[in-house]
Amino acid sequence: MTKKSQKTTYRKEDRHYLDKKHGILIQRIIVTDIQGKIEHYSLAYIDPTISTQDNGRILGYDNSHNYHHKHWFGTVEAIEFSSFEHLETKFEEEFWEIYHEHHSKK
């Protein structure tokens, strides 16, 4: 009988609701190994008041399905990955641009 080895991982999930009533939120999920190396990540801006495509995900980056990709208003495209920190900064910049465009008082 062989014993399965289990890999220890740590999951950190943050959800910040911008409007809980309408389901508008920023979500950040990071799964790391025991040494702190990121194995899985997901950054998402969900706003069903703008679009219901892709379950309301307006903008997102993740590495599920074994490749790094971007979600953008219902479309998915592969991206070049340099670092998680760079991607997180890019996500924040794009999020603020979209959010202000759609939710600023005119």
N, C-alpha and C. Protein backbone atom coordinates (compact mmCIF):
# COMPACT_ATOMS: atom_id res chain seq x y z
N MET A 1 0.84 -1.17 0.00
CA MET A 1 0.00 0.00 0.00
C MET A 1 0.89 1.24 0.00
N THR A 2 0.65 2.11 -0.96
CA THR A 2 1.43 3.35 -1.02
C THR A 2 0.67 4.47 -0.32
N LYS A 3 1.43 5.31 0.29
CA LYS A 3 0.85 6.44 1.02
C LYS A 3 0.92 7.68 0.14
N LYS A 4 -0.21 8.34 -0.03
CA LYS A 4 -0.24 9.57 -0.82
C LYS A 4 0.40 10.69 -0.02
N SER A 5 1.29 11.43 -0.66
CA SER A 5 1.85 12.60 0.02
C SER A 5 0.93 13.79 -0.27
N GLN A 6 0.66 14.54 0.75
CA GLN A 6 -0.18 15.71 0.58
C GLN A 6 0.69 16.94 0.64
N LYS A 7 0.50 17.82 -0.31
CA LYS A 7 1.25 19.05 -0.39
C LYS A 7 0.54 20.10 0.46
N THR A 8 1.26 20.77 1.31
CA THR A 8 0.67 21.80 2.14
C THR A 8 0.57 23.09 1.35
N THR A 9 -0.61 23.67 1.32
CA THR A 9 -0.81 24.95 0.66
C THR A 9 -1.56 25.88 1.60
N TYR A 10 -1.42 27.16 1.32
CA TYR A 10 -2.10 28.18 2.10
C TYR A 10 -2.95 29.02 1.16
N ARG A 11 -4.19 29.23 1.54
CA ARG A 11 -5.12 29.99 0.71
C ARG A 11 -5.50 31.26 1.46
N LYS A 12 -5.36 32.37 0.76
CA LYS A 12 -5.79 33.65 1.31
C LYS A 12 -6.81 34.24 0.34
N GLU A 13 -7.96 34.53 0.86
CA GLU A 13 -9.04 35.07 0.03
C GLU A 13 -9.56 36.35 0.65
N ASP A 14 -9.57 37.41 -0.15
CA ASP A 14 -10.09 38.71 0.28
C ASP A 14 -11.22 39.11 -0.64
N ARG A 15 -12.31 39.53 -0.05
CA ARG A 15 -13.44 40.06 -0.82
C ARG A 15 -13.79 41.42 -0.23
N HIS A 16 -13.83 42.41 -1.10
CA HIS A 16 -14.20 43.76 -0.68
C HIS A 16 -15.42 44.19 -1.48
N TYR A 17 -16.54 44.28 -0.79
CA TYR A 17 -17.77 44.69 -1.46
C TYR A 17 -17.81 46.20 -1.60
N LEU A 18 -18.00 46.66 -2.82
CA LEU A 18 -18.17 48.08 -3.08
C LEU A 18 -19.64 48.45 -3.01
N ASP A 19 -20.50 47.46 -3.29
CA ASP A 19 -21.95 47.62 -3.19
C ASP A 19 -22.52 46.21 -3.03
N LYS A 20 -22.69 45.79 -1.79
CA LYS A 20 -23.12 44.41 -1.52
C LYS A 20 -24.51 44.13 -2.09
N LYS A 21 -25.39 45.11 -2.02
CA LYS A 21 -26.76 44.94 -2.52
C LYS A 21 -26.77 44.54 -4.00
N HIS A 22 -25.87 45.12 -4.78
CA HIS A 22 -25.82 44.85 -6.22
C HIS A 22 -24.72 43.85 -6.60
N GLY A 23 -24.00 43.33 -5.62
CA GLY A 23 -22.99 42.31 -5.89
C GLY A 23 -21.71 42.83 -6.52
N ILE A 24 -21.40 44.11 -6.29
CA ILE A 24 -20.18 44.70 -6.87
C ILE A 24 -19.04 44.48 -5.88
N LEU A 25 -18.00 43.77 -6.35
CA LEU A 25 -16.90 43.48 -5.45
C LEU A 25 -15.57 43.29 -6.16
N ILE A 26 -14.52 43.40 -5.36
CA ILE A 26 -13.17 43.06 -5.77
C ILE A 26 -12.81 41.79 -5.01
N GLN A 27 -12.28 40.82 -5.71
CA GLN A 27 -11.92 39.55 -5.08
C GLN A 27 -10.47 39.21 -5.41
N ARG A 28 -9.75 38.76 -4.39
CA ARG A 28 -8.34 38.39 -4.56
C ARG A 28 -8.13 37.05 -3.85
N ILE A 29 -7.71 36.06 -4.62
CA ILE A 29 -7.43 34.73 -4.06
C ILE A 29 -6.00 34.36 -4.42
N ILE A 30 -5.25 33.96 -3.40
CA ILE A 30 -3.88 33.53 -3.63
C ILE A 30 -3.66 32.22 -2.88
N VAL A 31 -3.13 31.23 -3.59
CA VAL A 31 -2.77 29.95 -2.98
C VAL A 31 -1.26 29.81 -3.13
N THR A 32 -0.58 29.62 -1.99
CA THR A 32 0.87 29.47 -2.01
C THR A 32 1.27 28.12 -1.44
N ASP A 33 2.47 27.70 -1.81
CA ASP A 33 3.01 26.48 -1.20
C ASP A 33 3.63 26.84 0.14
N ILE A 34 4.19 25.87 0.80
CA ILE A 34 4.73 26.08 2.14
C ILE A 34 5.91 27.07 2.14
N GLN A 35 6.60 27.20 1.03
CA GLN A 35 7.70 28.17 0.93
C GLN A 35 7.22 29.57 0.53
N GLY A 36 5.93 29.73 0.25
CA GLY A 36 5.39 31.04 -0.12
C GLY A 36 5.31 31.29 -1.62
N LYS A 37 5.66 30.32 -2.44
CA LYS A 37 5.58 30.47 -3.89
C LYS A 37 4.11 30.39 -4.31
N ILE A 38 3.69 31.34 -5.13
CA ILE A 38 2.30 31.37 -5.59
C ILE A 38 2.06 30.24 -6.58
N GLU A 39 1.09 29.40 -6.25
CA GLU A 39 0.70 28.30 -7.14
C GLU A 39 -0.54 28.67 -7.96
N HIS A 40 -1.44 29.40 -7.33
CA HIS A 40 -2.67 29.80 -8.02
C HIS A 40 -3.04 31.20 -7.55
N TYR A 41 -3.56 31.99 -8.49
CA TYR A 41 -4.04 33.32 -8.14
C TYR A 41 -5.28 33.65 -8.95
N SER A 42 -6.07 34.53 -8.41
CA SER A 42 -7.25 35.04 -9.11
C SER A 42 -7.53 36.44 -8.60
N LEU A 43 -7.57 37.39 -9.52
CA LEU A 43 -7.93 38.77 -9.22
C LEU A 43 -9.18 39.07 -10.05
N ALA A 44 -10.22 39.57 -9.41
CA ALA A 44 -11.46 39.79 -10.16
C ALA A 44 -12.20 41.02 -9.69
N TYR A 45 -12.71 41.77 -10.65
CA TYR A 45 -13.65 42.86 -10.41
C TYR A 45 -14.98 42.37 -10.95
N ILE A 46 -15.93 42.19 -10.06
CA ILE A 46 -17.25 41.67 -10.43
C ILE A 46 -18.26 42.79 -10.25
N ASP A 47 -18.98 43.08 -11.32
CA ASP A 47 -19.96 44.17 -11.29
C ASP A 47 -21.11 43.85 -12.25
N PRO A 48 -22.12 43.12 -11.75
CA PRO A 48 -23.24 42.75 -12.61
C PRO A 48 -24.10 43.94 -13.04
N THR A 49 -23.86 45.14 -12.50
CA THR A 49 -24.61 46.31 -12.97
C THR A 49 -24.06 46.81 -14.31
N ILE A 50 -22.85 46.39 -14.65
CA ILE A 50 -22.25 46.77 -15.93
C ILE A 50 -22.50 45.68 -16.98
N SER A 51 -22.29 44.42 -16.58
CA SER A 51 -22.47 43.30 -17.50
C SER A 51 -22.70 42.02 -16.70
N THR A 52 -23.53 41.14 -17.23
CA THR A 52 -23.77 39.85 -16.58
C THR A 52 -22.97 38.73 -17.25
N GLN A 53 -22.26 39.04 -18.33
CA GLN A 53 -21.41 38.03 -18.98
C GLN A 53 -20.35 37.58 -17.99
N ASP A 54 -19.91 36.35 -18.10
CA ASP A 54 -18.85 35.79 -17.27
C ASP A 54 -19.19 35.98 -15.78
N ASN A 55 -20.46 35.76 -15.45
CA ASN A 55 -20.96 35.89 -14.07
C ASN A 55 -20.69 37.27 -13.47
N GLY A 56 -20.73 38.29 -14.31
CA GLY A 56 -20.54 39.66 -13.84
C GLY A 56 -19.09 40.07 -13.72
N ARG A 57 -18.17 39.18 -14.08
CA ARG A 57 -16.74 39.54 -14.00
C ARG A 57 -16.41 40.48 -15.14
N ILE A 58 -16.09 41.70 -14.79
CA ILE A 58 -15.75 42.73 -15.77
C ILE A 58 -14.29 42.64 -16.14
N LEU A 59 -13.45 42.43 -15.11
CA LEU A 59 -12.01 42.36 -15.29
C LEU A 59 -11.48 41.27 -14.37
N GLY A 60 -10.55 40.49 -14.86
CA GLY A 60 -9.95 39.48 -14.00
C GLY A 60 -8.68 38.93 -14.59
N TYR A 61 -7.82 38.47 -13.70
CA TYR A 61 -6.59 37.78 -14.09
C TYR A 61 -6.50 36.52 -13.25
N ASP A 62 -6.13 35.41 -13.86
CA ASP A 62 -5.91 34.20 -13.09
C ASP A 62 -5.05 33.23 -13.89
N ASN A 63 -4.66 32.15 -13.21
CA ASN A 63 -3.84 31.14 -13.88
C ASN A 63 -4.50 29.76 -13.80
N SER A 64 -5.81 29.74 -13.75
CA SER A 64 -6.49 28.45 -13.79
C SER A 64 -6.41 27.89 -15.21
N HIS A 65 -6.73 26.65 -15.38
CA HIS A 65 -6.68 25.96 -16.68
C HIS A 65 -5.25 25.89 -17.22
N ASN A 66 -4.26 25.99 -16.31
CA ASN A 66 -2.85 25.84 -16.65
C ASN A 66 -2.27 26.90 -17.56
N TYR A 67 -2.85 28.10 -17.56
CA TYR A 67 -2.21 29.21 -18.27
C TYR A 67 -2.68 30.53 -17.68
N HIS A 68 -1.84 31.55 -17.84
CA HIS A 68 -2.16 32.89 -17.34
C HIS A 68 -3.06 33.57 -18.36
N HIS A 69 -4.15 34.14 -17.87
CA HIS A 69 -5.06 34.79 -18.80
C HIS A 69 -5.83 35.94 -18.15
N LYS A 70 -6.45 36.73 -19.03
CA LYS A 70 -7.20 37.92 -18.62
C LYS A 70 -8.66 37.75 -19.04
N HIS A 71 -9.54 38.10 -18.13
CA HIS A 71 -10.98 38.18 -18.43
C HIS A 71 -11.30 39.65 -18.62
N TRP A 72 -12.02 39.95 -19.69
CA TRP A 72 -12.34 41.33 -20.01
C TRP A 72 -13.72 41.37 -20.65
N PHE A 73 -14.72 41.79 -19.88
CA PHE A 73 -16.09 41.94 -20.37
C PHE A 73 -16.56 40.72 -21.16
N GLY A 74 -16.35 39.53 -20.60
CA GLY A 74 -16.86 38.31 -21.21
C GLY A 74 -15.91 37.59 -22.13
N THR A 75 -14.77 38.20 -22.43
CA THR A 75 -13.79 37.52 -23.28
C THR A 75 -12.62 37.05 -22.41
N VAL A 76 -11.90 36.06 -22.91
CA VAL A 76 -10.72 35.54 -22.21
C VAL A 76 -9.58 35.47 -23.20
N GLU A 77 -8.41 35.98 -22.79
CA GLU A 77 -7.25 35.91 -23.67
C GLU A 77 -6.00 35.61 -22.86
N ALA A 78 -5.09 34.85 -23.45
CA ALA A 78 -3.82 34.52 -22.80
C ALA A 78 -3.00 35.79 -22.64
N ILE A 79 -2.22 35.85 -21.56
CA ILE A 79 -1.35 37.00 -21.31
C ILE A 79 0.06 36.51 -21.04
N GLU A 80 1.01 37.41 -21.21
CA GLU A 80 2.39 37.12 -20.83
C GLU A 80 2.52 37.47 -19.36
N PHE A 81 3.05 36.55 -18.59
CA PHE A 81 3.19 36.73 -17.14
C PHE A 81 4.63 37.03 -16.80
N SER A 82 4.86 38.16 -16.12
CA SER A 82 6.22 38.47 -15.66
C SER A 82 6.33 38.29 -14.15
N SER A 83 5.35 38.81 -13.41
CA SER A 83 5.32 38.62 -11.96
C SER A 83 3.93 38.91 -11.44
N PHE A 84 3.61 38.31 -10.31
CA PHE A 84 2.31 38.55 -9.71
C PHE A 84 2.18 40.01 -9.28
N GLU A 85 3.25 40.57 -8.75
CA GLU A 85 3.22 41.97 -8.29
C GLU A 85 2.89 42.91 -9.45
N HIS A 86 3.52 42.68 -10.60
CA HIS A 86 3.24 43.51 -11.78
C HIS A 86 1.78 43.36 -12.20
N LEU A 87 1.30 42.15 -12.21
CA LEU A 87 -0.08 41.88 -12.61
C LEU A 87 -1.07 42.53 -11.64
N GLU A 88 -0.78 42.47 -10.36
CA GLU A 88 -1.66 43.06 -9.36
C GLU A 88 -1.73 44.59 -9.54
N THR A 89 -0.59 45.23 -9.82
CA THR A 89 -0.57 46.68 -10.07
C THR A 89 -1.38 47.01 -11.32
N LYS A 90 -1.21 46.24 -12.36
CA LYS A 90 -1.95 46.44 -13.62
C LYS A 90 -3.46 46.28 -13.39
N PHE A 91 -3.83 45.25 -12.62
CA PHE A 91 -5.24 45.02 -12.29
C PHE A 91 -5.83 46.23 -11.56
N GLU A 92 -5.13 46.73 -10.57
CA GLU A 92 -5.62 47.88 -9.80
C GLU A 92 -5.82 49.10 -10.69
N GLU A 93 -4.87 49.37 -11.57
CA GLU A 93 -4.99 50.52 -12.47
C GLU A 93 -6.20 50.36 -13.40
N GLU A 94 -6.35 49.18 -13.98
CA GLU A 94 -7.46 48.94 -14.91
C GLU A 94 -8.80 48.99 -14.17
N PHE A 95 -8.83 48.41 -12.96
CA PHE A 95 -10.07 48.44 -12.17
C PHE A 95 -10.52 49.87 -11.94
N TRP A 96 -9.63 50.75 -11.44
CA TRP A 96 -10.03 52.12 -11.13
C TRP A 96 -10.51 52.86 -12.37
N GLU A 97 -9.86 52.62 -13.49
CA GLU A 97 -10.28 53.25 -14.74
C GLU A 97 -11.71 52.84 -15.12
N ILE A 98 -11.99 51.55 -15.07
CA ILE A 98 -13.32 51.04 -15.42
C ILE A 98 -14.35 51.52 -14.40
N TYR A 99 -14.03 51.39 -13.12
CA TYR A 99 -14.98 51.74 -12.07
C TYR A 99 -15.39 53.21 -12.17
N HIS A 100 -14.42 54.09 -12.32
CA HIS A 100 -14.73 55.52 -12.41
C HIS A 100 -15.51 55.84 -13.68
N GLU A 101 -15.20 55.15 -14.75
CA GLU A 101 -15.92 55.38 -16.01
C GLU A 101 -17.40 55.04 -15.87
N HIS A 102 -17.69 53.98 -15.13
CA HIS A 102 -19.08 53.51 -15.04
C HIS A 102 -19.84 53.99 -13.82
N HIS A 103 -19.13 54.47 -12.79
CA HIS A 103 -19.82 54.82 -11.54
C HIS A 103 -19.60 56.25 -11.07
N SER A 104 -18.92 57.06 -11.85
CA SER A 104 -18.74 58.46 -11.46
C SER A 104 -20.01 59.25 -11.73
N LYS A 105 -20.28 60.17 -10.84
CA LYS A 105 -21.42 61.09 -11.07
C LYS A 105 -21.04 62.02 -12.19
N LYS A 106 -21.96 62.19 -13.12
CA LYS A 106 -21.66 63.06 -14.28
C LYS A 106 -22.38 64.36 -14.16
